[in-house]
Amino acid sequence: MRRHQQGMTMIGLLCVLALVGVVVYAGIRLTPVYLNYLKVVRSLDAAAADAKGDGADQARLVNALAKQWEVQDIEVPDYKDVEITKEDTGIELHVNYDQTVPYVANVSLSVHFDKTVKVQ
């Protein structure tokens, strides 16, 4: 008979695998949400780059945002939810939204996104 046991028991291994499974499943559920956020950021940057130069105004930025939202196929948030404000240094595009995805039964994961892009 061995005096010192080495390794993990089957119950310990199952507990570790269950915890890893919970985290991996959360990552799988949140991946589309973060990919959508990356499309929103890419669209804001592209709209700011399109409006840069010839005296950007609000109407031109809204049109650029609408085009980018259509090209990127973004559903959440709407391009009308982007706040366009004029600052001393230029115009700022600001989007602030929450997105919730179902996880298991009545448990959901909620993510908050906040991004500001400056048009010089």
Foldseek 3Di string as FASTA:
>chain_A
DDPDDDDDDPVRVVVVVVVVVLVVLVVVQCVVVVVLVVLVVVQLVQLLVVQADPDRDDVSSLVSSVVSCVVSVRVPPDSVQWDWDADPVGIKTKHWDKDWTCRPDPDIDIDIDIDMDGRD
